[in-house]
């Protein structure tokens, strides 16, 4: 992907004015950043014409969401008394570690390679990508906290309800931020991938 091969005129897309809005109700994306999103709306992201360019990114995000969902299900089951401490530890520990590794890896590739390339291609989207970068910093802090708590969980063979509560709250904080972040990111990134 290079700046030379993108073919969408931002002003033409804005003039077309399809009235689409971001998918997340609390999106931080400005209307004038959605010129590519209007050219390639979500209903077309996995169409035959674009799927080979868009599916890789969407599949990574689906995997992250699935991992998040599973961890919250396990945490909810412990919080409600459906599983005991030993089962909670057994099910959570390997999944937390894999989840953290997956997110750090994905974010480092975005920060070092993809986002700078996308900004060079579409300088008018720089502020949007800066929001995503700030999310990464906040997520890194939450993931570091989650890693610390996971380390404590690994050592806590005797039930520690306070630790279970801390883990649950941290997972929910990650989930809330991640939900908005992934959706905002897709609304910026997937049209770039599909149209270039």
Protein backbone atom coordinates (compact mmCIF):
# COMPACT_ATOMS: atom_id res chain seq x y z
CA UNK A 1 0.00 0.00 0.00
CA UNK A 2 1.35 3.36 -0.97
CA UNK A 3 -0.08 6.83 -1.12
CA UNK A 4 0.19 6.66 -4.91
CA UNK A 5 -2.28 3.82 -5.31
CA UNK A 6 -5.19 5.09 -3.23
CA UNK A 7 -7.94 6.41 -5.45
CA UNK A 8 -10.64 7.98 -3.28
CA UNK A 9 -10.98 11.74 -3.42
CA UNK A 10 -11.93 12.83 0.12
CA UNK A 11 -13.93 15.83 -1.08
CA UNK A 12 -15.93 13.70 -3.53
CA UNK A 13 -16.79 11.30 -0.72
CA UNK A 14 -17.82 14.15 1.58
CA UNK A 15 -19.94 15.72 -1.17
CA UNK A 16 -21.65 12.37 -1.68
CA UNK A 17 -22.76 12.60 1.97
CA UNK A 18 -24.35 9.18 2.51
CA UNK A 19 -25.14 10.09 6.12
CA UNK A 20 -23.48 7.00 7.57
CA UNK A 21 -22.45 7.26 11.20
CA UNK A 22 -19.85 5.26 13.13
CA UNK A 23 -21.00 1.92 14.51
CA UNK A 24 -20.05 2.59 18.14
CA UNK A 25 -22.62 4.85 19.89
CA UNK A 26 -19.82 6.72 21.70
CA UNK A 27 -17.46 6.92 18.73
CA UNK A 28 -14.77 9.57 18.94
CA UNK A 29 -14.54 9.79 15.14
CA UNK A 30 -15.37 13.11 13.50
CA UNK A 31 -17.72 13.16 10.53
CA UNK A 32 -15.05 14.51 8.19
CA UNK A 33 -12.84 11.49 8.93
CA UNK A 34 -15.46 9.14 7.49
CA UNK A 35 -14.93 9.84 3.80
CA UNK A 36 -13.50 6.35 3.20
CA UNK A 37 -16.06 4.72 5.49
CA UNK A 38 -18.77 6.24 3.28
CA UNK A 39 -17.09 4.77 0.19
CA UNK A 40 -16.80 1.34 1.82
CA UNK A 41 -19.51 0.95 4.50
CA UNK A 42 -19.51 -2.02 6.91
CA UNK A 43 -22.07 -3.97 4.86
CA UNK A 44 -19.45 -4.25 2.10
CA UNK A 45 -16.37 -5.04 4.20
CA UNK A 46 -16.63 -8.79 3.62
CA UNK A 47 -18.02 -8.62 0.09
CA UNK A 48 -16.27 -10.70 -2.57
CA UNK A 49 -14.62 -7.55 -3.95
CA UNK A 50 -12.95 -6.58 -0.64
CA UNK A 51 -12.79 -9.64 1.62
CA UNK A 52 -9.24 -10.63 0.67
CA UNK A 53 -8.00 -7.23 1.87
CA UNK A 54 -10.19 -6.77 4.93
CA UNK A 55 -10.72 -10.21 6.46
CA UNK A 56 -7.28 -10.57 8.06
CA UNK A 57 -7.71 -7.48 10.25
CA UNK A 58 -11.33 -8.29 11.05
CA UNK A 59 -10.41 -11.88 11.98
CA UNK A 60 -7.73 -10.66 14.40
CA UNK A 61 -10.27 -8.36 16.04
CA UNK A 62 -12.84 -11.17 16.20
CA UNK A 63 -10.27 -13.36 17.95
CA UNK A 64 -9.50 -10.59 20.47
CA UNK A 65 -13.21 -10.07 21.14
CA UNK A 66 -13.75 -13.82 21.58
CA UNK A 67 -10.87 -14.05 24.06
CA UNK A 68 -12.26 -11.07 25.98
CA UNK A 69 -15.75 -12.60 26.02
CA UNK A 70 -14.45 -15.95 27.31
CA UNK A 71 -12.46 -14.30 30.11
CA UNK A 72 -15.48 -12.29 31.22
CA UNK A 73 -17.66 -15.42 31.13
CA UNK A 74 -15.18 -17.24 33.40
CA UNK A 75 -14.95 -14.24 35.72
CA UNK A 76 -18.74 -13.90 35.83
CA UNK A 77 -19.05 -17.61 36.63
CA UNK A 78 -16.66 -17.22 39.57
CA UNK A 79 -18.37 -14.03 40.77
CA UNK A 80 -21.77 -15.75 40.75
CA UNK A 81 -20.45 -18.90 42.49
CA UNK A 82 -20.95 -21.19 39.48
CA UNK A 83 -17.28 -22.25 39.59
CA UNK A 84 -14.91 -22.50 42.53
CA UNK A 85 -11.53 -20.84 43.00
CA UNK A 86 -9.49 -23.74 41.64
CA UNK A 87 -11.59 -23.91 38.45
CA UNK A 88 -11.43 -20.14 38.12
CA UNK A 89 -7.64 -20.23 38.32
CA UNK A 90 -7.36 -23.23 35.99
CA UNK A 91 -9.54 -21.63 33.32
CA UNK A 92 -8.33 -18.03 33.67
CA UNK A 93 -4.56 -18.16 33.97
CA UNK A 94 -3.56 -19.49 30.53
CA UNK A 95 -6.25 -17.43 28.80
CA UNK A 96 -5.24 -14.16 30.48
CA UNK A 97 -1.62 -14.61 29.46
CA UNK A 98 -2.49 -15.44 25.84
CA UNK A 99 -4.92 -12.53 25.68
CA UNK A 100 -2.33 -10.05 26.92
CA UNK A 101 0.31 -11.35 24.50
CA UNK A 102 -2.12 -11.18 21.58
CA UNK A 103 -3.11 -7.58 22.33
CA UNK A 104 0.47 -6.35 22.90
CA UNK A 105 1.59 -7.99 19.65
CA UNK A 106 -1.29 -6.54 17.63
CA UNK A 107 -0.83 -3.05 19.05
CA UNK A 108 2.93 -3.00 18.54
CA UNK A 109 2.52 -3.89 14.84
CA UNK A 110 -0.11 -1.17 14.45
CA UNK A 111 2.02 1.45 16.23
CA UNK A 112 5.26 0.65 14.42
CA UNK A 113 4.04 -0.13 10.92
CA UNK A 114 0.40 0.25 9.98
CA UNK A 115 -0.69 3.49 11.63
CA UNK A 116 2.30 5.54 10.39
CA UNK A 117 1.70 4.18 6.87
CA UNK A 118 -1.99 5.02 7.00
CA UNK A 119 -1.23 8.57 8.22
CA UNK A 120 1.19 9.07 5.31
CA UNK A 121 -1.54 7.89 2.92
CA UNK A 122 -4.28 10.00 4.52
CA UNK A 123 -2.81 12.88 6.57
CA UNK A 124 -6.33 14.19 7.23
CA UNK A 125 -6.92 11.11 9.43
CA UNK A 126 -3.92 11.81 11.70
CA UNK A 127 -6.03 13.03 14.62
CA UNK A 128 -8.13 9.86 14.45
CA UNK A 129 -5.05 7.68 14.60
CA UNK A 130 -3.71 9.75 17.50
CA UNK A 131 -6.88 8.82 19.43
CA UNK A 132 -6.17 5.15 18.70
CA UNK A 133 -2.54 5.60 19.80
CA UNK A 134 -3.69 7.10 23.11
CA UNK A 135 -6.03 4.13 23.54
CA UNK A 136 -3.01 1.84 23.14
CA UNK A 137 -1.21 3.66 25.94
CA UNK A 138 -4.25 3.34 28.23
CA UNK A 139 -4.75 -0.30 27.25
CA UNK A 140 -1.07 -1.05 27.93
CA UNK A 141 -1.51 0.30 31.45
CA UNK A 142 -4.62 -1.83 32.02
CA UNK A 143 -2.95 -4.91 30.53
CA UNK A 144 0.07 -4.41 32.78
CA UNK A 145 -2.31 -4.25 35.75
CA UNK A 146 -4.03 -7.40 34.49
CA UNK A 147 -0.63 -9.13 34.16
CA UNK A 148 0.27 -8.20 37.75
CA UNK A 149 -3.06 -9.52 39.02
CA UNK A 150 -2.63 -12.69 36.96
CA UNK A 151 0.76 -13.21 38.61
CA UNK A 152 -0.91 -12.90 42.01
CA UNK A 153 -3.62 -15.34 40.90
CA UNK A 154 -0.97 -17.87 39.89
CA UNK A 155 0.39 -17.80 43.47
CA UNK A 156 -2.99 -17.80 45.24
CA UNK A 157 -4.00 -21.41 45.73
CA UNK A 158 -6.18 -20.35 48.67
CA UNK A 159 -9.26 -18.41 47.60
CA UNK A 160 -8.79 -14.64 47.54
CA UNK A 161 -12.14 -13.00 46.80
CA UNK A 162 -10.64 -9.50 46.82
CA UNK A 163 -8.18 -10.57 44.10
CA UNK A 164 -11.02 -12.13 42.10
CA UNK A 165 -12.94 -8.85 42.36
CA UNK A 166 -9.90 -6.82 41.27
CA UNK A 167 -9.38 -9.08 38.28
CA UNK A 168 -13.04 -8.79 37.35
CA UNK A 169 -13.02 -4.99 37.56
CA UNK A 170 -9.83 -4.76 35.49
CA UNK A 171 -11.25 -7.11 32.84
CA UNK A 172 -14.38 -4.97 32.65
CA UNK A 173 -12.29 -1.79 32.29
CA UNK A 174 -10.27 -3.37 29.48
CA UNK A 175 -13.46 -4.61 27.83
CA UNK A 176 -15.14 -1.19 27.91
CA UNK A 177 -12.17 0.62 26.38
CA UNK A 178 -11.44 -2.18 23.93
CA UNK A 179 -15.01 -2.27 22.64
CA UNK A 180 -14.86 1.38 21.65
CA UNK A 181 -11.27 1.19 20.45
CA UNK A 182 -11.72 -1.79 18.13
CA UNK A 183 -14.88 -0.35 16.59
CA UNK A 184 -13.37 3.10 16.04
CA UNK A 185 -10.24 1.48 14.65
CA UNK A 186 -12.20 -0.66 12.21
CA UNK A 187 -14.23 2.34 11.03
CA UNK A 188 -10.96 4.09 10.11
CA UNK A 189 -8.78 1.17 9.02
CA UNK A 190 -11.00 -1.33 7.20
CA UNK A 191 -12.01 1.11 4.45
CA UNK A 192 -8.33 2.00 3.93
CA UNK A 193 -7.47 -1.67 3.52
CA UNK A 194 -10.42 -2.40 1.27
CA UNK A 195 -9.97 0.58 -1.06
CA UNK A 196 -6.20 0.35 -1.56
